[in-house]
């Protein structure tokens, strides 16, 4: 599974899981462009191998379980 995390401000994070990397990458790219407009402060794309369950994948990302989660891409407001 692939998970995209979008943070609009420090207190609000949105998570969405995808079974295909291409679908997650599209959402990540759209969110990354929104960081340029200051609509969101950061976006990240994660891979959670070994599960086909969206809730399990999202929970692993929320826990920052480094044994399960691979960071594929991150972008924050102010990055070059």
PDB file of N, CA and C in Angstrom:
ATOM      1  N   UNK A   1       0.842  -1.177   0.000  1.00  0.00           N
ATOM      2  CA  UNK A   1       0.000   0.000   0.000  1.00  0.00           C
ATOM      3  C   UNK A   1       0.889   1.242   0.000  1.00  0.00           C
ATOM      4  N   UNK A   2       0.312   2.303  -0.504  1.00  0.00           N
ATOM      5  CA  UNK A   2       0.983   3.597  -0.546  1.00  0.00           C
ATOM      6  C   UNK A   2       0.091   4.600   0.172  1.00  0.00           C
ATOM      7  N   UNK A   3       0.695   5.431   1.006  1.00  0.00           N
ATOM      8  CA  UNK A   3      -0.060   6.398   1.806  1.00  0.00           C
ATOM      9  C   UNK A   3       0.475   7.789   1.515  1.00  0.00           C
ATOM     10  N   UNK A   4      -0.446   8.716   1.317  1.00  0.00           N
ATOM     11  CA  UNK A   4      -0.094  10.124   1.157  1.00  0.00           C
ATOM     12  C   UNK A   4      -0.577  10.865   2.402  1.00  0.00           C
ATOM     13  N   UNK A   5       0.338  11.628   3.000  1.00  0.00           N
ATOM     14  CA  UNK A   5      -0.023  12.476   4.145  1.00  0.00           C
ATOM     15  C   UNK A   5       0.092  13.926   3.702  1.00  0.00           C
ATOM     16  N   UNK A   6      -0.978  14.671   3.924  1.00  0.00           N
ATOM     17  CA  UNK A   6      -0.993  16.101   3.603  1.00  0.00           C
ATOM     18  C   UNK A   6      -1.268  16.846   4.895  1.00  0.00           C
ATOM     19  N   UNK A   7      -0.411  17.807   5.211  1.00  0.00           N
ATOM     20  CA  UNK A   7      -0.592  18.613   6.421  1.00  0.00           C
ATOM     21  C   UNK A   7      -0.899  20.039   5.995  1.00  0.00           C
ATOM     22  N   UNK A   8      -2.099  20.499   6.390  1.00  0.00           N
ATOM     23  CA  UNK A   8      -2.519  21.861   6.064  1.00  0.00           C
ATOM     24  C   UNK A   8      -1.947  22.851   7.078  1.00  0.00           C
ATOM     25  N   UNK A   9      -1.931  22.462   8.319  1.00  0.00           N
ATOM     26  CA  UNK A   9      -1.272  23.224   9.376  1.00  0.00           C
ATOM     27  C   UNK A   9      -0.799  22.199  10.397  1.00  0.00           C
ATOM     28  N   UNK A  10      -0.092  22.634  11.397  1.00  0.00           N
ATOM     29  CA  UNK A  10       0.520  21.694  12.344  1.00  0.00           C
ATOM     30  C   UNK A  10      -0.489  20.835  13.090  1.00  0.00           C
ATOM     31  N   UNK A  11      -1.748  21.230  13.159  1.00  0.00           N
ATOM     32  CA  UNK A  11      -2.730  20.471  13.927  1.00  0.00           C
ATOM     33  C   UNK A  11      -3.646  19.620  13.057  1.00  0.00           C
ATOM     34  N   UNK A  12      -3.473  19.662  11.738  1.00  0.00           N
ATOM     35  CA  UNK A  12      -4.399  18.956  10.856  1.00  0.00           C
ATOM     36  C   UNK A  12      -3.636  18.169   9.793  1.00  0.00           C
ATOM     37  N   UNK A  13      -3.778  16.838   9.826  1.00  0.00           N
ATOM     38  CA  UNK A  13      -3.148  15.985   8.817  1.00  0.00           C
ATOM     39  C   UNK A  13      -4.218  15.130   8.150  1.00  0.00           C
ATOM     40  N   UNK A  14      -4.076  14.941   6.842  1.00  0.00           N
ATOM     41  CA  UNK A  14      -5.007  14.134   6.063  1.00  0.00           C
ATOM     42  C   UNK A  14      -4.222  12.960   5.481  1.00  0.00           C
ATOM     43  N   UNK A  15      -4.742  11.750   5.653  1.00  0.00           N
ATOM     44  CA  UNK A  15      -4.098  10.542   5.164  1.00  0.00           C
ATOM     45  C   UNK A  15      -5.019   9.852   4.166  1.00  0.00           C
ATOM     46  N   UNK A  16      -4.435   9.349   3.086  1.00  0.00           N
ATOM     47  CA  UNK A  16      -5.200   8.584   2.110  1.00  0.00           C
ATOM     48  C   UNK A  16      -4.308   7.460   1.593  1.00  0.00           C
ATOM     49  N   UNK A  17      -4.877   6.240   1.527  1.00  0.00           N
ATOM     50  CA  UNK A  17      -4.125   5.066   1.090  1.00  0.00           C
ATOM     51  C   UNK A  17      -4.522   4.671  -0.331  1.00  0.00           C
ATOM     52  N   UNK A  18      -3.541   4.143  -1.050  1.00  0.00           N
ATOM     53  CA  UNK A  18      -3.737   3.706  -2.434  1.00  0.00           C
ATOM     54  C   UNK A  18      -3.066   2.351  -2.627  1.00  0.00           C
ATOM     55  N   UNK A  19      -3.662   1.507  -3.427  1.00  0.00           N
ATOM     56  CA  UNK A  19      -3.035   0.215  -3.712  1.00  0.00           C
ATOM     57  C   UNK A  19      -1.997   0.338  -4.823  1.00  0.00           C
ATOM     58  N   UNK A  20      -2.130   1.360  -5.657  1.00  0.00           N
ATOM     59  CA  UNK A  20      -1.179   1.560  -6.752  1.00  0.00           C
ATOM     60  C   UNK A  20      -0.313   2.787  -6.488  1.00  0.00           C
ATOM     61  N   UNK A  21       0.986   2.625  -6.694  1.00  0.00           N
ATOM     62  CA  UNK A  21       1.929   3.731  -6.478  1.00  0.00           C
ATOM     63  C   UNK A  21       1.582   4.929  -7.358  1.00  0.00           C
ATOM     64  N   UNK A  22       1.184   4.672  -8.593  1.00  0.00           N
ATOM     65  CA  UNK A  22       0.853   5.748  -9.530  1.00  0.00           C
ATOM     66  C   UNK A  22      -0.272   6.638  -8.981  1.00  0.00           C
ATOM     67  N   UNK A  23      -1.266   6.029  -8.362  1.00  0.00           N
ATOM     68  CA  UNK A  23      -2.377   6.811  -7.810  1.00  0.00           C
ATOM     69  C   UNK A  23      -1.919   7.659  -6.625  1.00  0.00           C
ATOM     70  N   UNK A  24      -1.103   7.077  -5.758  1.00  0.00           N
ATOM     71  CA  UNK A  24      -0.562   7.831  -4.633  1.00  0.00           C
ATOM     72  C   UNK A  24       0.336   8.971  -5.097  1.00  0.00           C
ATOM     73  N   UNK A  25       1.132   8.705  -6.131  1.00  0.00           N
ATOM     74  CA  UNK A  25       2.036   9.729  -6.656  1.00  0.00           C
ATOM     75  C   UNK A  25       1.252  10.910  -7.230  1.00  0.00           C
ATOM     76  N   UNK A  26       0.131  10.629  -7.868  1.00  0.00           N
ATOM     77  CA  UNK A  26      -0.700  11.722  -8.401  1.00  0.00           C
ATOM     78  C   UNK A  26      -1.205  12.631  -7.285  1.00  0.00           C
ATOM     79  N   UNK A  27      -1.697  12.019  -6.206  1.00  0.00           N
ATOM     80  CA  UNK A  27      -2.203  12.822  -5.083  1.00  0.00           C
ATOM     81  C   UNK A  27      -1.054  13.598  -4.431  1.00  0.00           C
ATOM     82  N   UNK A  28       0.095  12.953  -4.279  1.00  0.00           N
ATOM     83  CA  UNK A  28       1.256  13.622  -3.703  1.00  0.00           C
ATOM     84  C   UNK A  28       1.664  14.823  -4.561  1.00  0.00           C
ATOM     85  N   UNK A  29       1.738  14.641  -5.873  1.00  0.00           N
ATOM     86  CA  UNK A  29       2.130  15.730  -6.771  1.00  0.00           C
ATOM     87  C   UNK A  29       1.148  16.898  -6.688  1.00  0.00           C
ATOM     88  N   UNK A  30      -0.147  16.587  -6.635  1.00  0.00           N
ATOM     89  CA  UNK A  30      -1.151  17.650  -6.523  1.00  0.00           C
ATOM     90  C   UNK A  30      -0.975  18.412  -5.210  1.00  0.00           C
ATOM     91  N   UNK A  31      -0.731  17.688  -4.125  1.00  0.00           N
ATOM     92  CA  UNK A  31      -0.528  18.341  -2.823  1.00  0.00           C
ATOM     93  C   UNK A  31       0.759  19.150  -2.807  1.00  0.00           C
ATOM     94  N   UNK A  32       1.796  18.626  -3.447  1.00  0.00           N
ATOM     95  CA  UNK A  32       3.079  19.343  -3.497  1.00  0.00           C
ATOM     96  C   UNK A  32       2.913  20.695  -4.184  1.00  0.00           C
ATOM     97  N   UNK A  33       2.137  20.728  -5.230  1.00  0.00           N
ATOM     98  CA  UNK A  33       1.888  22.002  -5.912  1.00  0.00           C
ATOM     99  C   UNK A  33       1.082  22.954  -5.023  1.00  0.00           C
ATOM    100  N   UNK A  34       0.228  22.398  -4.174  1.00  0.00           N
ATOM    101  CA  UNK A  34      -0.528  23.251  -3.245  1.00  0.00           C
ATOM    102  C   UNK A  34       0.376  23.847  -2.172  1.00  0.00           C
ATOM    103  N   UNK A  35       1.521  23.206  -1.870  1.00  0.00           N
ATOM    104  CA  UNK A  35       2.438  23.806  -0.897  1.00  0.00           C
ATOM    105  C   UNK A  35       3.018  25.094  -1.460  1.00  0.00           C
ATOM    106  N   UNK A  36       3.196  25.138  -2.776  1.00  0.00           N
ATOM    107  CA  UNK A  36       3.702  26.355  -3.410  1.00  0.00           C
ATOM    108  C   UNK A  36       2.732  27.517  -3.237  1.00  0.00           C
ATOM    109  N   UNK A  37       1.447  27.190  -3.166  1.00  0.00           N
ATOM    110  CA  UNK A  37       0.413  28.215  -2.992  1.00  0.00           C
ATOM    111  C   UNK A  37       0.090  28.461  -1.517  1.00  0.00           C
ATOM    112  N   UNK A  38       0.793  27.758  -0.630  1.00  0.00           N
ATOM    113  CA  UNK A  38       0.611  27.885   0.824  1.00  0.00           C
ATOM    114  C   UNK A  38      -0.727  27.335   1.316  1.00  0.00           C
ATOM    115  N   UNK A  39      -1.405  26.507   0.514  1.00  0.00           N
ATOM    116  CA  UNK A  39      -2.638  25.857   0.974  1.00  0.00           C
ATOM    117  C   UNK A  39      -2.333  24.725   1.951  1.00  0.00           C
ATOM    118  N   UNK A  40      -1.173  24.101   1.783  1.00  0.00           N
ATOM    119  CA  UNK A  40      -0.726  23.050   2.696  1.00  0.00           C
ATOM    120  C   UNK A  40       0.722  23.324   3.069  1.00  0.00           C
ATOM    121  N   UNK A  41       1.135  22.825   4.236  1.00  0.00           N
ATOM    122  CA  UNK A  41       2.506  23.079   4.663  1.00  0.00           C
ATOM    123  C   UNK A  41       3.457  21.945   4.297  1.00  0.00           C
ATOM    124  N   UNK A  42       2.939  20.712   4.121  1.00  0.00           N
ATOM    125  CA  UNK A  42       3.809  19.632   3.685  1.00  0.00           C
ATOM    126  C   UNK A  42       3.003  18.487   3.083  1.00  0.00           C
ATOM    127  N   UNK A  43       3.713  17.686   2.293  1.00  0.00           N
ATOM    128  CA  UNK A  43       3.128  16.495   1.679  1.00  0.00           C
ATOM    129  C   UNK A  43       4.178  15.400   1.722  1.00  0.00           C
ATOM    130  N   UNK A  44       3.732  14.160   1.879  1.00  0.00           N
ATOM    131  CA  UNK A  44       4.658  13.039   1.919  1.00  0.00           C
ATOM    132  C   UNK A  44       4.012  11.803   1.302  1.00  0.00           C
ATOM    133  N   UNK A  45       4.827  10.992   0.656  1.00  0.00           N
ATOM    134  CA  UNK A  45       4.390   9.740   0.056  1.00  0.00           C
ATOM    135  C   UNK A  45       5.167   8.607   0.724  1.00  0.00           C
ATOM    136  N   UNK A  46       4.434   7.634   1.237  1.00  0.00           N
ATOM    137  CA  UNK A  46       5.025   6.499   1.944  1.00  0.00           C
ATOM    138  C   UNK A  46       4.636   5.192   1.265  1.00  0.00           C
ATOM    139  N   UNK A  47       5.488   4.192   1.388  1.00  0.00           N
ATOM    140  CA  UNK A  47       5.145   2.834   0.974  1.00  0.00           C
ATOM    141  C   UNK A  47       5.077   1.974   2.228  1.00  0.00           C
ATOM    142  N   UNK A  48       4.025   1.159   2.319  1.00  0.00           N
ATOM    143  CA  UNK A  48       3.865   0.223   3.430  1.00  0.00           C
ATOM    144  C   UNK A  48       3.737  -1.174   2.816  1.00  0.00           C
ATOM    145  N   UNK A  49       4.877  -1.833   2.571  1.00  0.00           N
ATOM    146  CA  UNK A  49       4.822  -3.158   1.944  1.00  0.00           C
ATOM    147  C   UNK A  49       4.252  -4.203   2.902  1.00  0.00           C
ATOM    148  N   UNK A  50       3.686  -5.245   2.328  1.00  0.00           N
ATOM    149  CA  UNK A  50       3.222  -6.365   3.151  1.00  0.00           C
ATOM    150  C   UNK A  50       1.796  -6.258   3.631  1.00  0.00           C
ATOM    151  N   UNK A  51       1.069  -5.227   3.226  1.00  0.00           N
ATOM    152  CA  UNK A  51      -0.330  -5.120   3.608  1.00  0.00           C
ATOM    153  C   UNK A  51      -1.151  -4.639   2.420  1.00  0.00           C
ATOM    154  N   UNK A  52      -2.363  -5.122   2.340  1.00  0.00           N
ATOM    155  CA  UNK A  52      -3.317  -4.656   1.339  1.00  0.00           C
ATOM    156  C   UNK A  52      -4.465  -3.901   2.001  1.00  0.00           C
ATOM    157  N   UNK A  53      -4.355  -3.695   3.314  1.00  0.00           N
ATOM    158  CA  UNK A  53      -5.405  -3.035   4.081  1.00  0.00           C
ATOM    159  C   UNK A  53      -5.062  -1.558   4.288  1.00  0.00           C
ATOM    160  N   UNK A  54      -5.946  -0.695   3.811  1.00  0.00           N
ATOM    161  CA  UNK A  54      -5.698   0.746   3.883  1.00  0.00           C
ATOM    162  C   UNK A  54      -5.550   1.228   5.327  1.00  0.00           C
ATOM    163  N   UNK A  55      -6.418   0.791   6.221  1.00  0.00           N
ATOM    164  CA  UNK A  55      -6.369   1.245   7.620  1.00  0.00           C
ATOM    165  C   UNK A  55      -5.055   0.828   8.277  1.00  0.00           C
ATOM    166  N   UNK A  56      -4.607  -0.395   8.022  1.00  0.00           N
ATOM    167  CA  UNK A  56      -3.346  -0.874   8.585  1.00  0.00           C
ATOM    168  C   UNK A  56      -2.178  -0.023   8.087  1.00  0.00           C
ATOM    169  N   UNK A  57      -2.191   0.301   6.806  1.00  0.00           N
ATOM    170  CA  UNK A  57      -1.120   1.112   6.220  1.00  0.00           C
ATOM    171  C   UNK A  57      -1.113   2.519   6.816  1.00  0.00           C
ATOM    172  N   UNK A  58      -2.278   3.140   6.905  1.00  0.00           N
ATOM    173  CA  UNK A  58      -2.373   4.493   7.473  1.00  0.00           C
ATOM    174  C   UNK A  58      -1.928   4.496   8.926  1.00  0.00           C
ATOM    175  N   UNK A  59      -2.362   3.494   9.694  1.00  0.00           N
ATOM    176  CA  UNK A  59      -1.968   3.424  11.104  1.00  0.00           C
ATOM    177  C   UNK A  59      -0.453   3.277  11.261  1.00  0.00           C
ATOM    178  N   UNK A  60       0.185   2.506  10.375  1.00  0.00           N
ATOM    179  CA  UNK A  60       1.643   2.343  10.435  1.00  0.00           C
ATOM    180  C   UNK A  60       2.335   3.683  10.176  1.00  0.00           C
ATOM    181  N   UNK A  61       1.816   4.456   9.229  1.00  0.00           N
ATOM    182  CA  UNK A  61       2.391   5.781   8.949  1.00  0.00           C
ATOM    183  C   UNK A  61       2.178   6.707  10.146  1.00  0.00           C
ATOM    184  N   UNK A  62       0.985   6.696  10.709  1.00  0.00           N
ATOM    185  CA  UNK A  62       0.703   7.558  11.870  1.00  0.00           C
ATOM    186  C   UNK A  62       1.606   7.226  13.052  1.00  0.00           C
ATOM    187  N   UNK A  63       1.907   5.933  13.237  1.00  0.00           N
ATOM    188  CA  UNK A  63       2.791   5.506  14.330  1.00  0.00           C
ATOM    189  C   UNK A  63       4.260   5.761  14.018  1.00  0.00           C
ATOM    190  N   UNK A  64       4.549   6.132  12.752  1.00  0.00           N
ATOM    191  CA  UNK A  64       5.933   6.302  12.298  1.00  0.00           C
ATOM    192  C   UNK A  64       6.737   5.021  12.526  1.00  0.00           C
ATOM    193  N   UNK A  65       6.104   3.891  12.156  1.00  0.00           N
ATOM    194  CA  UNK A  65       6.709   2.576  12.334  1.00  0.00           C
ATOM    195  C   UNK A  65       7.751   2.351  11.240  1.00  0.00           C
ATOM    196  N   UNK A  66       8.988   2.672  11.553  1.00  0.00           N
ATOM    197  CA  UNK A  66      10.065   2.620  10.555  1.00  0.00           C
ATOM    198  C   UNK A  66      10.374   1.197  10.099  1.00  0.00           C
ATOM    199  N   UNK A  67       9.938   0.203  10.842  1.00  0.00           N
ATOM    200  CA  UNK A  67      10.156  -1.175  10.410  1.00  0.00           C
ATOM    201  C   UNK A  67       9.169  -1.572   9.315  1.00  0.00           C
ATOM    202  N   UNK A  68       8.071  -0.835   9.177  1.00  0.00           N
ATOM    203  CA  UNK A  68       7.048  -1.128   8.179  1.00  0.00           C
ATOM    204  C   UNK A  68       6.963  -0.087   7.069  1.00  0.00           C
ATOM    205  N   UNK A  69       7.356   1.147   7.352  1.00  0.00           N
ATOM    206  CA  UNK A  69       7.095   2.270   6.447  1.00  0.00           C
ATOM    207  C   UNK A  69       8.370   2.742   5.757  1.00  0.00           C
ATOM    208  N   UNK A  70       8.275   2.926   4.447  1.00  0.00           N
ATOM    209  CA  UNK A  70       9.362   3.512   3.678  1.00  0.00           C
ATOM    210  C   UNK A  70       8.913   4.887   3.188  1.00  0.00           C
ATOM    211  N   UNK A  71       9.733   5.896   3.408  1.00  0.00           N
ATOM    212  CA  UNK A  71       9.437   7.239   2.914  1.00  0.00           C
ATOM    213  C   UNK A  71       9.919   7.310   1.466  1.00  0.00           C
ATOM    214  N   UNK A  72       8.998   7.607   0.554  1.00  0.00           N
ATOM    215  CA  UNK A  72       9.353   7.703  -0.860  1.00  0.00           C
ATOM    216  C   UNK A  72       9.624   9.145  -1.280  1.00  0.00           C
ATOM    217  N   UNK A  73       8.871  10.093  -0.708  1.00  0.00           N
ATOM    218  CA  UNK A  73       9.040  11.503  -1.084  1.00  0.00           C
ATOM    219  C   UNK A  73       8.438  12.398  -0.009  1.00  0.00           C
ATOM    220  N   UNK A  74       9.074  13.537   0.225  1.00  0.00           N
ATOM    221  CA  UNK A  74       8.522  14.557   1.123  1.00  0.00           C
ATOM    222  C   UNK A  74       8.744  15.929   0.535  1.00  0.00           C
ATOM    223  N   UNK A  75       7.871  16.844   0.875  1.00  0.00           N
ATOM    224  CA  UNK A  75       7.993  18.222   0.409  1.00  0.00           C
ATOM    225  C   UNK A  75       7.365  19.123   1.461  1.00  0.00           C
ATOM    226  N   UNK A  76       8.073  20.189   1.809  1.00  0.00           N
ATOM    227  CA  UNK A  76       7.570  21.151   2.799  1.00  0.00           C
ATOM    228  C   UNK A  76       7.591  22.541   2.216  1.00  0.00           C
ATOM    229  N   UNK A  77       6.715  23.391   2.698  1.00  0.00           N
ATOM    230  CA  UNK A  77       6.703  24.779   2.287  1.00  0.00           C
ATOM    231  C   UNK A  77       8.078  25.379   2.509  1.00  0.00           C
ATOM    232  N   UNK A  78       8.570  26.061   1.509  1.00  0.00           N
ATOM    233  CA  UNK A  78       9.877  26.691   1.613  1.00  0.00           C
ATOM    234  C   UNK A  78      10.991  25.870   1.010  1.00  0.00           C
ATOM    235  N   UNK A  79      10.710  24.606   0.599  1.00  0.00           N
ATOM    236  CA  UNK A  79      11.741  23.818  -0.089  1.00  0.00           C
ATOM    237  C   UNK A  79      12.043  24.455  -1.439  1.00  0.00           C
ATOM    238  N   UNK A  80      13.296  24.363  -1.876  1.00  0.00           N
ATOM    239  CA  UNK A  80      13.620  24.943  -3.186  1.00  0.00           C
ATOM    240  C   UNK A  80      12.977  24.173  -4.316  1.00  0.00           C
TER     241      UNK A  80
END
